[in-house]
């Protein structure tokens, strides 16, 4: 692995990352791959760190028992929601979103409402694996092609009554969905 040292060059900052053979630039509030594709916008390095931590938390609590591909899938859906904008502002906004429906608090991710974070002791190895998956998706722009448009998932033992969704993949114990494309008449 290459370790890239931070250097400030006018308005460009090279971010130090432990990522194989990739260089990223922090330029005018965007994290960019070298080919210029915007992954997600950040206003500062500290904001990027916060967003990465929120993504890691979500991967950890949603997919701690999943294989690497399952962790990446949860990270990708979370990032898809952040990019979509209907689910919250930014990654932390998506992860921490709560709504009140008929006086009941509903969370986008079950662990946030069920108290998992406060009652479970963090497993260091699983946390590191979750962080690696979060970095791969957020910082490297890695995606699973089948989940390009996926915005929803649930555990395979749950049977939600979701309508208008199309199953796109089953990875580990999660089933992933996208909104059904509208048919042209």
N, C-alpha and C. Protein backbone atom coordinates (compact mmCIF):
# COMPACT_ATOMS: atom_id res chain seq x y z
N UNK A 1 0.83 -1.19 0.00
CA UNK A 1 0.00 0.00 0.00
C UNK A 1 0.87 1.24 0.00
N UNK A 2 0.43 2.24 -0.72
CA UNK A 2 1.14 3.51 -0.72
C UNK A 2 0.55 4.42 0.32
N UNK A 3 1.39 5.10 1.06
CA UNK A 3 0.92 6.11 2.01
C UNK A 3 1.24 7.46 1.39
N UNK A 4 0.22 8.27 1.26
CA UNK A 4 0.37 9.56 0.61
C UNK A 4 0.44 10.63 1.69
N UNK A 5 1.48 11.46 1.68
CA UNK A 5 1.62 12.52 2.66
C UNK A 5 0.76 13.70 2.25
N UNK A 6 0.22 14.38 3.26
CA UNK A 6 -0.62 15.54 2.99
C UNK A 6 0.23 16.70 2.52
N UNK A 7 -0.27 17.43 1.56
CA UNK A 7 0.43 18.61 1.06
C UNK A 7 -0.59 19.65 0.64
N UNK A 8 -0.36 20.88 1.03
CA UNK A 8 -1.29 21.94 0.64
C UNK A 8 -0.69 22.69 -0.54
N UNK A 9 -1.46 22.75 -1.62
CA UNK A 9 -1.06 23.45 -2.82
C UNK A 9 -2.18 24.40 -3.21
N UNK A 10 -2.06 25.66 -2.92
CA UNK A 10 -3.09 26.67 -3.12
C UNK A 10 -4.41 26.16 -2.54
N UNK A 11 -5.44 25.94 -3.37
CA UNK A 11 -6.73 25.47 -2.86
C UNK A 11 -6.87 23.96 -2.95
N UNK A 12 -5.79 23.27 -3.27
CA UNK A 12 -5.85 21.82 -3.40
C UNK A 12 -5.15 21.18 -2.22
N UNK A 13 -5.79 20.18 -1.64
CA UNK A 13 -5.19 19.44 -0.53
C UNK A 13 -5.23 17.97 -0.89
N UNK A 14 -4.09 17.33 -0.86
CA UNK A 14 -4.04 15.89 -1.08
C UNK A 14 -4.32 15.24 0.27
N UNK A 15 -5.33 14.36 0.32
CA UNK A 15 -5.74 13.72 1.56
C UNK A 15 -4.92 12.47 1.78
N UNK A 16 -4.35 12.29 2.99
CA UNK A 16 -3.61 11.06 3.25
C UNK A 16 -4.58 9.90 3.41
N UNK A 17 -4.43 8.87 2.60
CA UNK A 17 -5.32 7.71 2.65
C UNK A 17 -4.49 6.44 2.54
N UNK A 18 -4.89 5.42 3.25
CA UNK A 18 -4.26 4.12 3.11
C UNK A 18 -5.08 3.31 2.13
N UNK A 19 -5.03 3.70 0.88
CA UNK A 19 -5.81 3.04 -0.15
C UNK A 19 -4.85 2.64 -1.27
N UNK A 20 -5.00 1.43 -1.73
CA UNK A 20 -4.10 0.90 -2.73
C UNK A 20 -4.14 1.74 -4.01
N UNK A 21 -2.97 2.27 -4.38
CA UNK A 21 -2.75 2.89 -5.69
C UNK A 21 -3.76 3.96 -6.10
N UNK A 22 -4.40 4.66 -5.17
CA UNK A 22 -5.35 5.70 -5.55
C UNK A 22 -4.92 7.03 -4.95
N UNK A 23 -5.10 8.08 -5.69
CA UNK A 23 -4.82 9.42 -5.20
C UNK A 23 -6.12 10.22 -5.31
N UNK A 24 -6.45 10.93 -4.26
CA UNK A 24 -7.65 11.75 -4.25
C UNK A 24 -7.28 13.20 -4.03
N UNK A 25 -8.05 14.07 -4.56
CA UNK A 25 -7.84 15.49 -4.36
C UNK A 25 -9.04 16.07 -3.65
N UNK A 26 -8.76 16.97 -2.71
CA UNK A 26 -9.82 17.71 -2.04
C UNK A 26 -9.76 19.10 -2.64
N UNK A 27 -10.68 19.40 -3.54
CA UNK A 27 -10.61 20.64 -4.29
C UNK A 27 -12.00 21.25 -4.33
N UNK A 28 -12.11 22.47 -3.92
CA UNK A 28 -13.39 23.19 -3.93
C UNK A 28 -14.55 22.32 -3.46
N UNK A 29 -14.43 21.81 -2.29
CA UNK A 29 -15.42 21.03 -1.54
C UNK A 29 -15.88 19.74 -2.21
N UNK A 30 -15.03 19.09 -2.98
CA UNK A 30 -15.40 17.81 -3.57
C UNK A 30 -14.30 16.79 -3.34
N UNK A 31 -14.69 15.58 -3.05
CA UNK A 31 -13.75 14.48 -3.05
C UNK A 31 -13.85 13.88 -4.44
N UNK A 32 -12.74 13.82 -5.16
CA UNK A 32 -12.80 13.38 -6.55
C UNK A 32 -11.83 12.24 -6.80
N UNK A 33 -12.21 11.34 -7.66
CA UNK A 33 -11.26 10.36 -8.16
C UNK A 33 -10.44 11.04 -9.24
N UNK A 34 -9.35 10.43 -9.61
CA UNK A 34 -8.49 11.06 -10.61
C UNK A 34 -9.19 11.26 -11.95
N UNK A 35 -10.17 10.42 -12.27
CA UNK A 35 -10.86 10.61 -13.55
C UNK A 35 -11.87 11.74 -13.49
N UNK A 36 -12.02 12.37 -12.33
CA UNK A 36 -12.88 13.54 -12.21
C UNK A 36 -14.30 13.27 -11.76
N UNK A 37 -14.68 12.01 -11.59
CA UNK A 37 -16.03 11.71 -11.13
C UNK A 37 -16.19 12.11 -9.66
N UNK A 38 -17.20 12.90 -9.37
CA UNK A 38 -17.46 13.30 -7.99
C UNK A 38 -18.11 12.14 -7.26
N UNK A 39 -17.53 11.76 -6.14
CA UNK A 39 -18.12 10.71 -5.32
C UNK A 39 -19.15 11.34 -4.40
N UNK A 40 -18.74 12.32 -3.61
CA UNK A 40 -19.65 13.06 -2.74
C UNK A 40 -18.93 14.35 -2.34
N UNK A 41 -19.68 15.39 -2.07
CA UNK A 41 -19.08 16.68 -1.73
C UNK A 41 -18.88 16.80 -0.22
N UNK A 42 -17.75 17.41 0.17
CA UNK A 42 -17.46 17.71 1.56
C UNK A 42 -16.99 19.15 1.65
N UNK A 43 -17.30 19.80 2.75
CA UNK A 43 -16.85 21.18 2.95
C UNK A 43 -15.48 21.22 3.60
N UNK A 44 -15.11 20.15 4.30
CA UNK A 44 -13.83 20.13 5.00
C UNK A 44 -13.40 18.69 5.26
N UNK A 45 -12.15 18.55 5.66
CA UNK A 45 -11.63 17.23 6.03
C UNK A 45 -12.38 16.71 7.26
N UNK A 46 -12.67 17.59 8.22
CA UNK A 46 -13.38 17.14 9.43
C UNK A 46 -14.79 16.66 9.09
N UNK A 47 -15.44 17.30 8.12
CA UNK A 47 -16.76 16.83 7.69
C UNK A 47 -16.63 15.45 7.05
N UNK A 48 -15.60 15.25 6.24
CA UNK A 48 -15.38 13.95 5.62
C UNK A 48 -15.17 12.88 6.69
N UNK A 49 -14.39 13.20 7.72
CA UNK A 49 -14.15 12.26 8.81
C UNK A 49 -15.46 11.90 9.53
N UNK A 50 -16.30 12.91 9.79
CA UNK A 50 -17.60 12.66 10.45
C UNK A 50 -18.48 11.76 9.59
N UNK A 51 -18.54 12.07 8.30
CA UNK A 51 -19.38 11.28 7.39
C UNK A 51 -18.87 9.84 7.31
N UNK A 52 -17.55 9.66 7.27
CA UNK A 52 -16.98 8.32 7.24
C UNK A 52 -17.31 7.56 8.51
N UNK A 53 -17.26 8.24 9.66
CA UNK A 53 -17.59 7.58 10.92
C UNK A 53 -19.07 7.17 10.94
N UNK A 54 -19.95 8.03 10.46
CA UNK A 54 -21.38 7.68 10.40
C UNK A 54 -21.60 6.48 9.49
N UNK A 55 -20.93 6.46 8.35
CA UNK A 55 -21.06 5.34 7.42
C UNK A 55 -20.54 4.07 8.05
N UNK A 56 -19.40 4.16 8.73
CA UNK A 56 -18.83 2.99 9.41
C UNK A 56 -19.79 2.47 10.48
N UNK A 57 -20.38 3.36 11.28
CA UNK A 57 -21.35 2.95 12.30
C UNK A 57 -22.51 2.19 11.67
N UNK A 58 -23.01 2.72 10.56
CA UNK A 58 -24.15 2.07 9.92
C UNK A 58 -23.78 0.70 9.39
N UNK A 59 -22.63 0.59 8.76
CA UNK A 59 -22.18 -0.71 8.25
C UNK A 59 -21.99 -1.67 9.42
N UNK A 60 -21.39 -1.19 10.50
CA UNK A 60 -21.13 -2.05 11.66
C UNK A 60 -22.45 -2.60 12.23
N UNK A 61 -23.39 -1.72 12.52
CA UNK A 61 -24.62 -2.17 13.18
C UNK A 61 -25.62 -2.84 12.24
N UNK A 62 -25.57 -2.54 10.97
CA UNK A 62 -26.48 -3.18 10.02
C UNK A 62 -25.91 -4.48 9.46
N UNK A 63 -24.58 -4.59 9.37
CA UNK A 63 -24.00 -5.71 8.64
C UNK A 63 -22.81 -6.37 9.34
N UNK A 64 -22.77 -6.30 10.66
CA UNK A 64 -21.59 -6.85 11.36
C UNK A 64 -21.40 -8.34 11.12
N UNK A 65 -22.46 -9.09 10.91
CA UNK A 65 -22.35 -10.53 10.67
C UNK A 65 -22.30 -10.91 9.20
N UNK A 66 -22.21 -9.92 8.35
CA UNK A 66 -22.24 -10.15 6.91
C UNK A 66 -20.82 -10.31 6.34
N UNK A 67 -20.72 -10.95 5.16
CA UNK A 67 -19.41 -11.02 4.50
C UNK A 67 -19.01 -9.62 4.01
N UNK A 68 -17.78 -9.49 3.55
CA UNK A 68 -17.28 -8.20 3.07
C UNK A 68 -18.23 -7.60 2.03
N UNK A 69 -18.69 -8.42 1.09
CA UNK A 69 -19.60 -7.92 0.05
C UNK A 69 -20.88 -7.36 0.66
N UNK A 70 -21.38 -7.98 1.74
CA UNK A 70 -22.57 -7.49 2.41
C UNK A 70 -22.34 -6.15 3.10
N UNK A 71 -21.16 -5.98 3.67
CA UNK A 71 -20.81 -4.71 4.30
C UNK A 71 -20.71 -3.61 3.24
N UNK A 72 -20.08 -3.93 2.13
CA UNK A 72 -19.96 -2.97 1.03
C UNK A 72 -21.35 -2.61 0.51
N UNK A 73 -22.23 -3.59 0.41
CA UNK A 73 -23.59 -3.34 -0.09
C UNK A 73 -24.35 -2.37 0.81
N UNK A 74 -24.25 -2.55 2.12
CA UNK A 74 -24.92 -1.63 3.06
C UNK A 74 -24.33 -0.23 2.93
N UNK A 75 -23.01 -0.14 2.82
CA UNK A 75 -22.37 1.17 2.64
C UNK A 75 -22.85 1.82 1.35
N UNK A 76 -22.95 1.04 0.29
CA UNK A 76 -23.36 1.59 -1.00
C UNK A 76 -24.80 2.10 -0.95
N UNK A 77 -25.71 1.35 -0.34
CA UNK A 77 -27.10 1.81 -0.25
C UNK A 77 -27.18 3.09 0.59
N UNK A 78 -26.41 3.14 1.67
CA UNK A 78 -26.39 4.34 2.51
C UNK A 78 -25.92 5.54 1.70
N UNK A 79 -24.86 5.36 0.93
CA UNK A 79 -24.34 6.44 0.09
C UNK A 79 -25.32 6.79 -1.03
N UNK A 80 -25.98 5.78 -1.60
CA UNK A 80 -27.01 6.04 -2.62
C UNK A 80 -28.10 6.93 -2.04
N UNK A 81 -28.50 6.67 -0.80
CA UNK A 81 -29.54 7.48 -0.16
C UNK A 81 -29.05 8.91 0.05
N UNK A 82 -27.80 9.06 0.47
CA UNK A 82 -27.25 10.40 0.69
C UNK A 82 -27.21 11.18 -0.63
N UNK A 83 -26.83 10.53 -1.70
CA UNK A 83 -26.79 11.18 -3.01
C UNK A 83 -28.19 11.52 -3.51
N UNK A 84 -29.16 10.67 -3.18
CA UNK A 84 -30.55 10.86 -3.63
C UNK A 84 -31.15 12.13 -3.03
N UNK A 85 -30.87 12.39 -1.76
CA UNK A 85 -31.36 13.60 -1.12
C UNK A 85 -32.69 13.51 -0.41
N UNK A 86 -33.49 12.49 -0.69
CA UNK A 86 -34.81 12.37 -0.05
C UNK A 86 -34.74 11.75 1.34
N UNK A 87 -33.61 11.21 1.71
CA UNK A 87 -33.50 10.43 2.94
C UNK A 87 -32.77 11.17 4.05
N UNK A 88 -32.24 12.35 3.77
CA UNK A 88 -31.49 13.12 4.75
C UNK A 88 -30.36 13.86 4.06
N UNK A 89 -29.81 14.84 4.76
CA UNK A 89 -28.71 15.63 4.21
C UNK A 89 -27.39 14.99 4.57
N UNK A 90 -26.68 14.49 3.59
CA UNK A 90 -25.40 13.86 3.83
C UNK A 90 -25.54 12.47 4.44
N UNK A 91 -24.41 11.83 4.64
CA UNK A 91 -24.42 10.47 5.18
C UNK A 91 -24.93 10.45 6.61
N UNK A 92 -24.42 11.35 7.46
CA UNK A 92 -24.88 11.37 8.86
C UNK A 92 -26.37 11.67 8.93
N UNK A 93 -26.85 12.55 8.06
CA UNK A 93 -28.28 12.86 8.03
C UNK A 93 -29.11 11.64 7.69
N UNK A 94 -28.63 10.83 6.75
CA UNK A 94 -29.32 9.60 6.37
C UNK A 94 -29.28 8.59 7.52
N UNK A 95 -28.10 8.37 8.06
CA UNK A 95 -27.93 7.36 9.11
C UNK A 95 -28.74 7.71 10.36
N UNK A 96 -28.74 8.98 10.74
CA UNK A 96 -29.40 9.39 11.99
C UNK A 96 -30.84 9.83 11.82
N UNK A 97 -31.40 9.72 10.62
CA UNK A 97 -32.76 10.19 10.37
C UNK A 97 -33.79 9.41 11.17
N UNK A 98 -34.69 10.17 11.79
CA UNK A 98 -35.82 9.59 12.52
C UNK A 98 -37.06 10.37 12.10
N UNK A 99 -38.16 9.67 11.95
CA UNK A 99 -39.43 10.30 11.62
C UNK A 99 -40.46 9.86 12.65
N UNK A 100 -41.44 10.69 12.89
CA UNK A 100 -42.52 10.33 13.79
C UNK A 100 -43.75 10.07 12.93
N UNK A 101 -44.27 8.84 13.04
CA UNK A 101 -45.46 8.44 12.30
C UNK A 101 -46.47 7.93 13.31
N UNK A 102 -47.61 8.59 13.39
CA UNK A 102 -48.64 8.23 14.36
C UNK A 102 -48.04 8.09 15.76
N UNK A 103 -47.27 9.11 16.17
CA UNK A 103 -46.65 9.19 17.48
C UNK A 103 -45.62 8.10 17.76
N UNK A 104 -45.17 7.41 16.73
CA UNK A 104 -44.13 6.38 16.88
C UNK A 104 -42.89 6.83 16.11
N UNK A 105 -41.72 6.72 16.77
CA UNK A 105 -40.47 7.10 16.13
C UNK A 105 -40.03 5.96 15.20
N UNK A 106 -39.78 6.31 13.96
CA UNK A 106 -39.34 5.35 12.95
C UNK A 106 -37.94 5.78 12.49
N UNK A 107 -37.02 4.84 12.48
CA UNK A 107 -35.66 5.11 12.00
C UNK A 107 -35.45 4.43 10.65
N UNK A 108 -34.59 5.01 9.82
CA UNK A 108 -34.27 4.37 8.54
C UNK A 108 -33.52 3.07 8.76
N UNK A 109 -32.73 3.03 9.84
CA UNK A 109 -31.94 1.84 10.14
C UNK A 109 -32.31 1.39 11.55
N UNK A 110 -32.69 0.13 11.67
CA UNK A 110 -33.26 -0.39 12.92
C UNK A 110 -32.36 -0.24 14.13
N UNK A 111 -31.06 -0.38 13.96
CA UNK A 111 -30.15 -0.31 15.11
C UNK A 111 -30.23 1.03 15.82
N UNK A 112 -30.57 2.09 15.11
CA UNK A 112 -30.64 3.42 15.72
C UNK A 112 -31.80 3.52 16.71
N UNK A 113 -32.91 2.87 16.40
CA UNK A 113 -34.08 2.93 17.28
C UNK A 113 -34.12 1.81 18.31
N UNK A 114 -33.44 0.69 18.04
CA UNK A 114 -33.56 -0.44 18.98
C UNK A 114 -32.52 -0.43 20.10
N UNK A 115 -31.63 0.56 20.13
CA UNK A 115 -30.66 0.68 21.21
C UNK A 115 -29.42 -0.18 21.05
N UNK A 116 -29.22 -0.78 19.89
CA UNK A 116 -28.06 -1.65 19.68
C UNK A 116 -26.75 -0.94 19.98
N UNK A 117 -26.65 0.31 19.57
CA UNK A 117 -25.39 1.03 19.74
C UNK A 117 -25.01 1.19 21.20
N UNK A 118 -25.99 1.42 22.05
CA UNK A 118 -25.67 1.65 23.47
C UNK A 118 -25.54 0.35 24.27
N UNK A 119 -26.11 -0.74 23.79
CA UNK A 119 -26.06 -1.96 24.60
C UNK A 119 -25.03 -2.99 24.12
N UNK A 120 -24.55 -2.85 22.91
CA UNK A 120 -23.60 -3.82 22.38
C UNK A 120 -22.16 -3.32 22.51
N UNK A 121 -21.28 -4.20 22.96
CA UNK A 121 -19.86 -3.88 23.03
C UNK A 121 -19.29 -3.99 21.61
N UNK A 122 -18.50 -3.00 21.21
CA UNK A 122 -17.94 -2.99 19.87
C UNK A 122 -16.83 -4.03 19.75
N UNK A 123 -16.92 -4.85 18.71
CA UNK A 123 -15.90 -5.84 18.38
C UNK A 123 -14.90 -5.13 17.47
N UNK A 124 -13.66 -4.98 17.94
CA UNK A 124 -12.65 -4.21 17.21
C UNK A 124 -12.43 -4.72 15.79
N UNK A 125 -12.32 -6.01 15.60
CA UNK A 125 -12.07 -6.60 14.27
C UNK A 125 -13.24 -6.31 13.33
N UNK A 126 -14.46 -6.49 13.82
CA UNK A 126 -15.64 -6.22 12.99
C UNK A 126 -15.74 -4.73 12.67
N UNK A 127 -15.39 -3.87 13.64
CA UNK A 127 -15.38 -2.42 13.39
C UNK A 127 -14.38 -2.09 12.28
N UNK A 128 -13.19 -2.66 12.36
CA UNK A 128 -12.16 -2.41 11.34
C UNK A 128 -12.62 -2.89 9.96
N UNK A 129 -13.28 -4.04 9.91
CA UNK A 129 -13.82 -4.55 8.65
C UNK A 129 -14.91 -3.62 8.11
N UNK A 130 -15.74 -3.11 9.01
CA UNK A 130 -16.82 -2.20 8.62
C UNK A 130 -16.24 -0.89 8.10
N UNK A 131 -15.21 -0.39 8.77
CA UNK A 131 -14.55 0.84 8.34
C UNK A 131 -13.88 0.65 6.98
N UNK A 132 -13.26 -0.51 6.77
CA UNK A 132 -12.63 -0.79 5.47
C UNK A 132 -13.66 -0.79 4.35
N UNK A 133 -14.83 -1.39 4.61
CA UNK A 133 -15.90 -1.40 3.60
C UNK A 133 -16.41 0.02 3.34
N UNK A 134 -16.58 0.80 4.41
CA UNK A 134 -17.05 2.18 4.27
C UNK A 134 -16.05 3.00 3.45
N UNK A 135 -14.76 2.84 3.73
CA UNK A 135 -13.73 3.57 2.97
C UNK A 135 -13.72 3.15 1.51
N UNK A 136 -13.88 1.87 1.28
CA UNK A 136 -13.85 1.36 -0.11
C UNK A 136 -14.96 2.02 -0.94
N UNK A 137 -16.13 2.15 -0.34
CA UNK A 137 -17.27 2.74 -1.06
C UNK A 137 -17.16 4.27 -1.11
N UNK A 138 -16.91 4.90 0.04
CA UNK A 138 -16.91 6.36 0.10
C UNK A 138 -15.68 6.99 -0.53
N UNK A 139 -14.52 6.44 -0.25
CA UNK A 139 -13.28 7.08 -0.69
C UNK A 139 -12.74 6.55 -2.01
N UNK A 140 -13.00 5.28 -2.29
CA UNK A 140 -12.54 4.71 -3.55
C UNK A 140 -13.61 4.74 -4.63
N UNK A 141 -14.85 4.96 -4.23
CA UNK A 141 -15.93 4.97 -5.20
C UNK A 141 -16.30 3.59 -5.70
N UNK A 142 -15.92 2.56 -4.94
CA UNK A 142 -16.22 1.18 -5.34
C UNK A 142 -17.72 0.94 -5.26
N UNK A 143 -18.27 0.29 -6.27
CA UNK A 143 -19.69 -0.04 -6.26
C UNK A 143 -19.91 -1.46 -6.75
N UNK A 144 -20.99 -2.04 -6.29
CA UNK A 144 -21.46 -3.31 -6.82
C UNK A 144 -22.46 -2.95 -7.91
N UNK A 145 -22.21 -3.34 -9.15
CA UNK A 145 -23.08 -2.93 -10.26
C UNK A 145 -24.56 -3.21 -10.04
N UNK A 146 -24.89 -4.32 -9.41
CA UNK A 146 -26.30 -4.66 -9.20
C UNK A 146 -27.00 -3.69 -8.25
N UNK A 147 -26.22 -2.94 -7.46
CA UNK A 147 -26.80 -2.03 -6.48
C UNK A 147 -26.70 -0.56 -6.89
N UNK A 148 -26.42 -0.32 -8.15
CA UNK A 148 -26.24 1.05 -8.63
C UNK A 148 -27.39 1.97 -8.22
N UNK A 149 -28.62 1.48 -8.30
CA UNK A 149 -29.79 2.29 -7.98
C UNK A 149 -30.52 1.81 -6.72
N UNK A 150 -29.90 0.93 -5.97
CA UNK A 150 -30.56 0.38 -4.77
C UNK A 150 -30.63 1.43 -3.66
N UNK A 151 -31.82 1.57 -3.09
CA UNK A 151 -32.05 2.52 -2.00
C UNK A 151 -32.61 1.84 -0.76
N UNK A 152 -32.93 0.57 -0.85
CA UNK A 152 -33.60 -0.12 0.25
C UNK A 152 -33.01 -1.51 0.44
N UNK A 153 -33.07 -1.98 1.68
CA UNK A 153 -32.71 -3.37 1.96
C UNK A 153 -33.35 -3.77 3.27
N UNK A 154 -33.43 -5.06 3.48
CA UNK A 154 -33.91 -5.59 4.75
C UNK A 154 -33.29 -6.96 4.95
N UNK A 155 -33.33 -7.42 6.20
CA UNK A 155 -32.84 -8.76 6.52
C UNK A 155 -33.77 -9.78 5.90
N UNK A 156 -33.23 -10.93 5.52
CA UNK A 156 -34.04 -11.93 4.82
C UNK A 156 -35.11 -12.59 5.69
N UNK A 157 -35.04 -12.40 7.00
CA UNK A 157 -36.07 -12.97 7.87
C UNK A 157 -37.25 -12.01 8.09
N UNK A 158 -37.16 -10.81 7.52
CA UNK A 158 -38.22 -9.81 7.62
C UNK A 158 -39.02 -9.83 6.32
N UNK A 159 -40.32 -9.63 6.41
CA UNK A 159 -41.18 -9.62 5.23
C UNK A 159 -41.96 -8.30 5.17
N UNK A 160 -41.30 -7.22 4.75
CA UNK A 160 -42.00 -5.93 4.68
C UNK A 160 -43.04 -5.91 3.56
N UNK A 161 -44.00 -5.04 3.71
CA UNK A 161 -45.05 -4.89 2.71
C UNK A 161 -44.74 -3.72 1.78
N UNK A 162 -43.55 -3.72 1.23
CA UNK A 162 -43.13 -2.64 0.35
C UNK A 162 -43.73 -2.83 -1.04
N UNK A 163 -44.21 -1.73 -1.61
CA UNK A 163 -44.77 -1.77 -2.96
C UNK A 163 -43.94 -0.86 -3.86
N UNK A 164 -43.93 -1.17 -5.11
CA UNK A 164 -43.22 -0.34 -6.08
C UNK A 164 -41.72 -0.52 -6.08
N UNK A 165 -41.26 -1.62 -5.46
CA UNK A 165 -39.82 -1.88 -5.43
C UNK A 165 -39.50 -3.16 -6.18
N UNK A 166 -38.31 -3.19 -6.72
CA UNK A 166 -37.84 -4.33 -7.49
C UNK A 166 -36.60 -4.91 -6.79
N UNK A 167 -36.64 -6.19 -6.48
CA UNK A 167 -35.47 -6.84 -5.87
C UNK A 167 -34.34 -6.87 -6.88
N UNK A 168 -33.14 -6.45 -6.44
CA UNK A 168 -32.00 -6.43 -7.35
C UNK A 168 -30.87 -7.36 -6.92
N UNK A 169 -30.86 -7.75 -5.64
CA UNK A 169 -29.78 -8.62 -5.19
C UNK A 169 -30.06 -9.16 -3.79
N UNK A 170 -29.51 -10.32 -3.52
CA UNK A 170 -29.49 -10.87 -2.16
C UNK A 170 -28.03 -11.13 -1.85
N UNK A 171 -27.55 -10.50 -0.80
CA UNK A 171 -26.15 -10.65 -0.39
C UNK A 171 -26.15 -10.98 1.09
N UNK A 172 -25.56 -12.11 1.44
CA UNK A 172 -25.58 -12.53 2.83
C UNK A 172 -27.02 -12.70 3.27
N UNK A 173 -27.37 -12.05 4.38
CA UNK A 173 -28.74 -12.14 4.91
C UNK A 173 -29.57 -10.90 4.61
N UNK A 174 -29.17 -10.11 3.61
CA UNK A 174 -29.92 -8.92 3.23
C UNK A 174 -30.41 -9.03 1.79
N UNK A 175 -31.60 -8.47 1.58
CA UNK A 175 -32.19 -8.39 0.25
C UNK A 175 -32.26 -6.91 -0.12
N UNK A 176 -31.79 -6.57 -1.32
CA UNK A 176 -31.67 -5.18 -1.75
C UNK A 176 -32.66 -4.88 -2.87
N UNK A 177 -33.16 -3.63 -2.85
CA UNK A 177 -34.21 -3.21 -3.79
C UNK A 177 -33.90 -1.85 -4.39
N UNK A 178 -34.48 -1.63 -5.56
CA UNK A 178 -34.51 -0.31 -6.16
C UNK A 178 -35.96 0.00 -6.50
N UNK A 179 -36.24 1.27 -6.73
CA UNK A 179 -37.57 1.65 -7.16
C UNK A 179 -37.79 1.07 -8.55
N UNK A 180 -38.98 0.51 -8.76
CA UNK A 180 -39.29 -0.05 -10.09
C UNK A 180 -39.25 1.06 -11.12
N UNK A 181 -38.56 0.80 -12.23
CA UNK A 181 -38.56 1.81 -13.29
C UNK A 181 -39.97 1.98 -13.84
N UNK A 182 -40.32 3.23 -14.14
CA UNK A 182 -41.65 3.47 -14.71
C UNK A 182 -41.66 3.02 -16.15
N UNK A 183 -42.72 2.36 -16.51
CA UNK A 183 -42.85 1.88 -17.89
C UNK A 183 -43.39 2.98 -18.78
N UNK A 184 -42.79 3.11 -19.92
CA UNK A 184 -43.25 4.09 -20.90
C UNK A 184 -44.44 3.49 -21.64
N UNK A 185 -45.53 4.24 -21.73
CA UNK A 185 -46.74 3.73 -22.39
C UNK A 185 -46.77 4.11 -23.83
